[in-house]
Amino acid sequence: MLDVDALKKLSPEQQEQVITGVKQQAALANAQNLVTDISEKCTNKCITSPGSSLSNNEKQCLQRCMDRFMESWNLVSQTLQKRLQEEVAAAGMGGFGGSSFS
């Protein structure tokens, strides 16, 4: 585990790699928490009387609930990825902000 003093001793490129790794780990943990939460919510919503098998209504409810979640999660993920790519591109422009040269 790196502390702030150890991080300051790294080159800028190494610092960026560490920060990127931490961001990726945080994103993964967040995604895992979301999947766990939605699984619990869909199960609680759709399975009213647990038994040895699921009824057709329970199966359909679970499918719809998980589909809605995945659609939402994909939209949020794509939006976040696009925003991050735009930030990286803007940072890579050396402060020009993506201005055209025409």
N, C-alpha and C. Protein backbone atom coordinates (compact mmCIF):
# COMPACT_ATOMS: atom_id res chain seq x y z
N MET A 1 0.84 -1.18 0.00
CA MET A 1 0.00 0.00 0.00
C MET A 1 0.88 1.23 0.00
N LEU A 2 0.63 2.14 -0.91
CA LEU A 2 1.39 3.38 -1.00
C LEU A 2 0.74 4.46 -0.15
N ASP A 3 1.59 5.19 0.61
CA ASP A 3 1.05 6.35 1.28
C ASP A 3 1.35 7.58 0.43
N VAL A 4 0.90 8.73 0.86
CA VAL A 4 1.03 9.95 0.07
C VAL A 4 2.50 10.29 -0.18
N ASP A 5 3.36 10.11 0.84
CA ASP A 5 4.78 10.42 0.66
C ASP A 5 5.42 9.51 -0.38
N ALA A 6 5.07 8.23 -0.36
CA ALA A 6 5.62 7.30 -1.35
C ALA A 6 5.10 7.65 -2.74
N LEU A 7 3.85 8.06 -2.83
CA LEU A 7 3.27 8.44 -4.11
C LEU A 7 3.98 9.66 -4.69
N LYS A 8 4.33 10.60 -3.85
CA LYS A 8 5.01 11.82 -4.29
C LYS A 8 6.40 11.52 -4.86
N LYS A 9 7.00 10.43 -4.42
CA LYS A 9 8.35 10.07 -4.89
C LYS A 9 8.33 9.40 -6.26
N LEU A 10 7.17 8.99 -6.72
CA LEU A 10 7.06 8.35 -8.03
C LEU A 10 7.11 9.39 -9.13
N SER A 11 7.49 8.94 -10.32
CA SER A 11 7.46 9.84 -11.48
C SER A 11 5.99 10.16 -11.80
N PRO A 12 5.73 11.23 -12.54
CA PRO A 12 4.35 11.55 -12.91
C PRO A 12 3.65 10.40 -13.63
N GLU A 13 4.38 9.69 -14.48
CA GLU A 13 3.80 8.56 -15.19
C GLU A 13 3.42 7.44 -14.22
N GLN A 14 4.29 7.17 -13.26
CA GLN A 14 4.01 6.14 -12.27
C GLN A 14 2.83 6.55 -11.37
N GLN A 15 2.79 7.84 -11.02
CA GLN A 15 1.67 8.33 -10.22
C GLN A 15 0.36 8.12 -10.96
N GLU A 16 0.36 8.44 -12.24
CA GLU A 16 -0.86 8.28 -13.05
C GLU A 16 -1.26 6.82 -13.13
N GLN A 17 -0.28 5.92 -13.25
CA GLN A 17 -0.59 4.49 -13.29
C GLN A 17 -1.23 4.03 -11.98
N VAL A 18 -0.69 4.50 -10.86
CA VAL A 18 -1.24 4.13 -9.56
C VAL A 18 -2.67 4.67 -9.43
N ILE A 19 -2.85 5.92 -9.79
CA ILE A 19 -4.18 6.54 -9.69
C ILE A 19 -5.18 5.81 -10.58
N THR A 20 -4.75 5.48 -11.80
CA THR A 20 -5.63 4.75 -12.72
C THR A 20 -6.00 3.39 -12.14
N GLY A 21 -5.03 2.70 -11.57
CA GLY A 21 -5.30 1.40 -10.95
C GLY A 21 -6.29 1.50 -9.80
N VAL A 22 -6.12 2.53 -8.98
CA VAL A 22 -7.04 2.73 -7.86
C VAL A 22 -8.45 3.03 -8.37
N LYS A 23 -8.54 3.86 -9.40
CA LYS A 23 -9.85 4.17 -9.98
C LYS A 23 -10.51 2.92 -10.54
N GLN A 24 -9.72 2.07 -11.20
CA GLN A 24 -10.28 0.84 -11.77
C GLN A 24 -10.76 -0.10 -10.66
N GLN A 25 -9.99 -0.20 -9.59
CA GLN A 25 -10.40 -1.05 -8.48
C GLN A 25 -11.67 -0.52 -7.82
N ALA A 26 -11.76 0.80 -7.68
CA ALA A 26 -12.96 1.40 -7.10
C ALA A 26 -14.18 1.16 -8.00
N ALA A 27 -13.98 1.29 -9.31
CA ALA A 27 -15.08 1.06 -10.25
C ALA A 27 -15.54 -0.40 -10.19
N LEU A 28 -14.61 -1.32 -10.10
CA LEU A 28 -14.96 -2.74 -10.01
C LEU A 28 -15.73 -3.03 -8.73
N ALA A 29 -15.24 -2.49 -7.61
CA ALA A 29 -15.93 -2.70 -6.34
C ALA A 29 -17.34 -2.11 -6.39
N ASN A 30 -17.47 -0.94 -7.00
CA ASN A 30 -18.78 -0.31 -7.13
C ASN A 30 -19.71 -1.17 -7.98
N ALA A 31 -19.21 -1.69 -9.09
CA ALA A 31 -20.02 -2.54 -9.96
C ALA A 31 -20.45 -3.81 -9.22
N GLN A 32 -19.55 -4.39 -8.45
CA GLN A 32 -19.89 -5.60 -7.69
C GLN A 32 -20.98 -5.29 -6.65
N ASN A 33 -20.86 -4.14 -6.01
CA ASN A 33 -21.88 -3.75 -5.03
C ASN A 33 -23.23 -3.53 -5.70
N LEU A 34 -23.21 -2.91 -6.89
CA LEU A 34 -24.46 -2.69 -7.61
C LEU A 34 -25.12 -4.00 -8.01
N VAL A 35 -24.33 -4.94 -8.48
CA VAL A 35 -24.88 -6.24 -8.87
C VAL A 35 -25.47 -6.96 -7.66
N THR A 36 -24.78 -6.89 -6.55
CA THR A 36 -25.29 -7.51 -5.33
C THR A 36 -26.59 -6.84 -4.90
N ASP A 37 -26.61 -5.51 -4.91
CA ASP A 37 -27.81 -4.77 -4.51
C ASP A 37 -28.99 -5.09 -5.41
N ILE A 38 -28.77 -5.08 -6.72
CA ILE A 38 -29.88 -5.31 -7.63
C ILE A 38 -30.36 -6.76 -7.54
N SER A 39 -29.45 -7.67 -7.31
CA SER A 39 -29.86 -9.07 -7.15
C SER A 39 -30.76 -9.21 -5.93
N GLU A 40 -30.38 -8.55 -4.84
CA GLU A 40 -31.20 -8.61 -3.63
C GLU A 40 -32.55 -7.94 -3.86
N LYS A 41 -32.54 -6.77 -4.50
CA LYS A 41 -33.79 -6.05 -4.73
C LYS A 41 -34.73 -6.83 -5.64
N CYS A 42 -34.18 -7.37 -6.73
CA CYS A 42 -35.03 -8.14 -7.65
C CYS A 42 -35.56 -9.40 -6.98
N THR A 43 -34.73 -10.05 -6.20
CA THR A 43 -35.16 -11.26 -5.50
C THR A 43 -36.28 -10.92 -4.51
N ASN A 44 -36.07 -9.85 -3.73
CA ASN A 44 -37.08 -9.46 -2.75
C ASN A 44 -38.38 -9.02 -3.43
N LYS A 45 -38.26 -8.36 -4.57
CA LYS A 45 -39.45 -7.87 -5.27
C LYS A 45 -40.21 -9.02 -5.93
N CYS A 46 -39.48 -9.94 -6.53
CA CYS A 46 -40.11 -10.93 -7.41
C CYS A 46 -40.44 -12.26 -6.75
N ILE A 47 -39.71 -12.63 -5.73
CA ILE A 47 -39.94 -13.95 -5.12
C ILE A 47 -40.67 -13.74 -3.79
N THR A 48 -41.96 -13.93 -3.85
CA THR A 48 -42.80 -13.65 -2.68
C THR A 48 -42.90 -14.84 -1.74
N SER A 49 -42.84 -16.03 -2.27
CA SER A 49 -42.91 -17.22 -1.42
C SER A 49 -41.85 -18.22 -1.88
N PRO A 50 -40.67 -18.18 -1.26
CA PRO A 50 -39.59 -19.09 -1.66
C PRO A 50 -40.01 -20.55 -1.58
N GLY A 51 -39.55 -21.29 -2.55
CA GLY A 51 -39.85 -22.72 -2.59
C GLY A 51 -38.75 -23.45 -3.31
N SER A 52 -39.03 -24.64 -3.75
CA SER A 52 -38.01 -25.46 -4.41
C SER A 52 -37.81 -25.07 -5.87
N SER A 53 -38.76 -24.29 -6.43
CA SER A 53 -38.61 -23.83 -7.82
C SER A 53 -39.32 -22.49 -7.97
N LEU A 54 -39.01 -21.82 -9.06
CA LEU A 54 -39.62 -20.52 -9.35
C LEU A 54 -40.86 -20.70 -10.22
N SER A 55 -41.87 -19.90 -9.94
CA SER A 55 -43.06 -19.91 -10.80
C SER A 55 -42.73 -19.14 -12.07
N ASN A 56 -43.56 -19.28 -13.08
CA ASN A 56 -43.35 -18.54 -14.33
C ASN A 56 -43.40 -17.04 -14.09
N ASN A 57 -44.33 -16.58 -13.24
CA ASN A 57 -44.42 -15.16 -12.92
C ASN A 57 -43.14 -14.66 -12.26
N GLU A 58 -42.59 -15.45 -11.34
CA GLU A 58 -41.35 -15.06 -10.67
C GLU A 58 -40.19 -15.00 -11.66
N LYS A 59 -40.13 -15.98 -12.55
CA LYS A 59 -39.06 -15.97 -13.56
C LYS A 59 -39.16 -14.74 -14.45
N GLN A 60 -40.38 -14.42 -14.90
CA GLN A 60 -40.57 -13.25 -15.76
C GLN A 60 -40.23 -11.96 -15.02
N CYS A 61 -40.65 -11.86 -13.78
CA CYS A 61 -40.36 -10.68 -12.98
C CYS A 61 -38.85 -10.50 -12.80
N LEU A 62 -38.16 -11.58 -12.45
CA LEU A 62 -36.70 -11.52 -12.29
C LEU A 62 -36.02 -11.11 -13.58
N GLN A 63 -36.47 -11.68 -14.69
CA GLN A 63 -35.87 -11.36 -15.99
C GLN A 63 -36.06 -9.89 -16.32
N ARG A 64 -37.28 -9.38 -16.14
CA ARG A 64 -37.56 -7.97 -16.44
C ARG A 64 -36.78 -7.05 -15.51
N CYS A 65 -36.73 -7.38 -14.25
CA CYS A 65 -36.01 -6.57 -13.27
C CYS A 65 -34.52 -6.51 -13.62
N MET A 66 -33.93 -7.64 -13.91
CA MET A 66 -32.50 -7.69 -14.25
C MET A 66 -32.24 -7.02 -15.59
N ASP A 67 -33.15 -7.18 -16.55
CA ASP A 67 -32.99 -6.51 -17.85
C ASP A 67 -32.99 -5.00 -17.69
N ARG A 68 -33.93 -4.49 -16.90
CA ARG A 68 -33.99 -3.04 -16.67
C ARG A 68 -32.71 -2.56 -16.00
N PHE A 69 -32.23 -3.31 -15.03
CA PHE A 69 -31.00 -2.95 -14.36
C PHE A 69 -29.83 -2.93 -15.33
N MET A 70 -29.69 -3.97 -16.15
CA MET A 70 -28.56 -4.05 -17.08
C MET A 70 -28.61 -2.93 -18.11
N GLU A 71 -29.80 -2.60 -18.59
CA GLU A 71 -29.92 -1.49 -19.53
C GLU A 71 -29.47 -0.18 -18.88
N SER A 72 -29.91 0.03 -17.66
CA SER A 72 -29.52 1.25 -16.94
C SER A 72 -28.03 1.27 -16.66
N TRP A 73 -27.52 0.13 -16.22
CA TRP A 73 -26.09 0.05 -15.88
C TRP A 73 -25.23 0.27 -17.13
N ASN A 74 -25.65 -0.31 -18.26
CA ASN A 74 -24.90 -0.11 -19.50
C ASN A 74 -24.92 1.35 -19.93
N LEU A 75 -26.06 2.01 -19.80
CA LEU A 75 -26.15 3.41 -20.16
C LEU A 75 -25.23 4.26 -19.28
N VAL A 76 -25.27 4.02 -18.00
CA VAL A 76 -24.41 4.77 -17.08
C VAL A 76 -22.94 4.49 -17.38
N SER A 77 -22.60 3.23 -17.62
CA SER A 77 -21.22 2.86 -17.91
C SER A 77 -20.72 3.52 -19.19
N GLN A 78 -21.54 3.50 -20.23
CA GLN A 78 -21.15 4.11 -21.50
C GLN A 78 -20.97 5.62 -21.35
N THR A 79 -21.87 6.25 -20.61
CA THR A 79 -21.78 7.69 -20.38
C THR A 79 -20.51 8.03 -19.60
N LEU A 80 -20.23 7.26 -18.56
CA LEU A 80 -19.03 7.49 -17.77
C LEU A 80 -17.77 7.27 -18.60
N GLN A 81 -17.76 6.20 -19.38
CA GLN A 81 -16.60 5.91 -20.23
C GLN A 81 -16.36 7.04 -21.23
N LYS A 82 -17.43 7.53 -21.83
CA LYS A 82 -17.31 8.63 -22.78
C LYS A 82 -16.75 9.87 -22.10
N ARG A 83 -17.27 10.17 -20.92
CA ARG A 83 -16.79 11.34 -20.18
C ARG A 83 -15.32 11.21 -19.83
N LEU A 84 -14.91 10.01 -19.38
CA LEU A 84 -13.50 9.79 -19.05
C LEU A 84 -12.61 9.93 -20.28
N GLN A 85 -13.07 9.38 -21.42
CA GLN A 85 -12.30 9.50 -22.65
C GLN A 85 -12.16 10.95 -23.07
N GLU A 86 -13.23 11.74 -22.90
CA GLU A 86 -13.16 13.16 -23.24
C GLU A 86 -12.19 13.89 -22.33
N GLU A 87 -12.17 13.55 -21.05
CA GLU A 87 -11.24 14.17 -20.11
C GLU A 87 -9.80 13.81 -20.45
N VAL A 88 -9.57 12.55 -20.80
CA VAL A 88 -8.21 12.12 -21.17
C VAL A 88 -7.78 12.83 -22.45
N ALA A 89 -8.69 12.91 -23.42
CA ALA A 89 -8.37 13.59 -24.68
C ALA A 89 -8.08 15.07 -24.44
N ALA A 90 -8.86 15.72 -23.58
CA ALA A 90 -8.64 17.13 -23.28
C ALA A 90 -7.30 17.32 -22.57
N ALA A 91 -6.97 16.41 -21.67
CA ALA A 91 -5.69 16.50 -20.97
C ALA A 91 -4.53 16.25 -21.93
N GLY A 92 -4.74 15.38 -22.90
CA GLY A 92 -3.70 15.07 -23.88
C GLY A 92 -3.46 16.18 -24.90
N MET A 93 -4.38 17.14 -24.95
CA MET A 93 -4.25 18.25 -25.90
C MET A 93 -3.32 19.33 -25.37
N GLY A 94 -2.77 19.11 -24.18
CA GLY A 94 -1.83 20.08 -23.65
C GLY A 94 -2.45 21.43 -23.33
N GLY A 95 -3.73 21.41 -22.95
CA GLY A 95 -4.38 22.64 -22.56
C GLY A 95 -5.02 23.39 -23.70
N PHE A 96 -5.01 22.83 -24.90
CA PHE A 96 -5.63 23.52 -26.02
C PHE A 96 -7.13 23.36 -26.02
N GLY A 97 -7.64 22.45 -25.18
CA GLY A 97 -9.08 22.26 -25.07
C GLY A 97 -9.74 21.73 -26.31
N GLY A 98 -8.99 21.10 -27.20
CA GLY A 98 -9.58 20.51 -28.37
C GLY A 98 -9.92 21.52 -29.45
N SER A 99 -9.35 22.69 -29.41
CA SER A 99 -9.65 23.71 -30.41
C SER A 99 -9.20 23.28 -31.79
N SER A 100 -9.94 23.68 -32.80
CA SER A 100 -9.54 23.36 -34.16
C SER A 100 -8.53 24.40 -34.63
N PHE A 101 -7.76 24.04 -35.63
CA PHE A 101 -6.72 24.92 -36.14
C PHE A 101 -7.13 25.59 -37.43
N SER A 102 -8.39 25.49 -37.82
CA SER A 102 -8.82 26.07 -39.08
C SER A 102 -9.15 27.53 -38.95
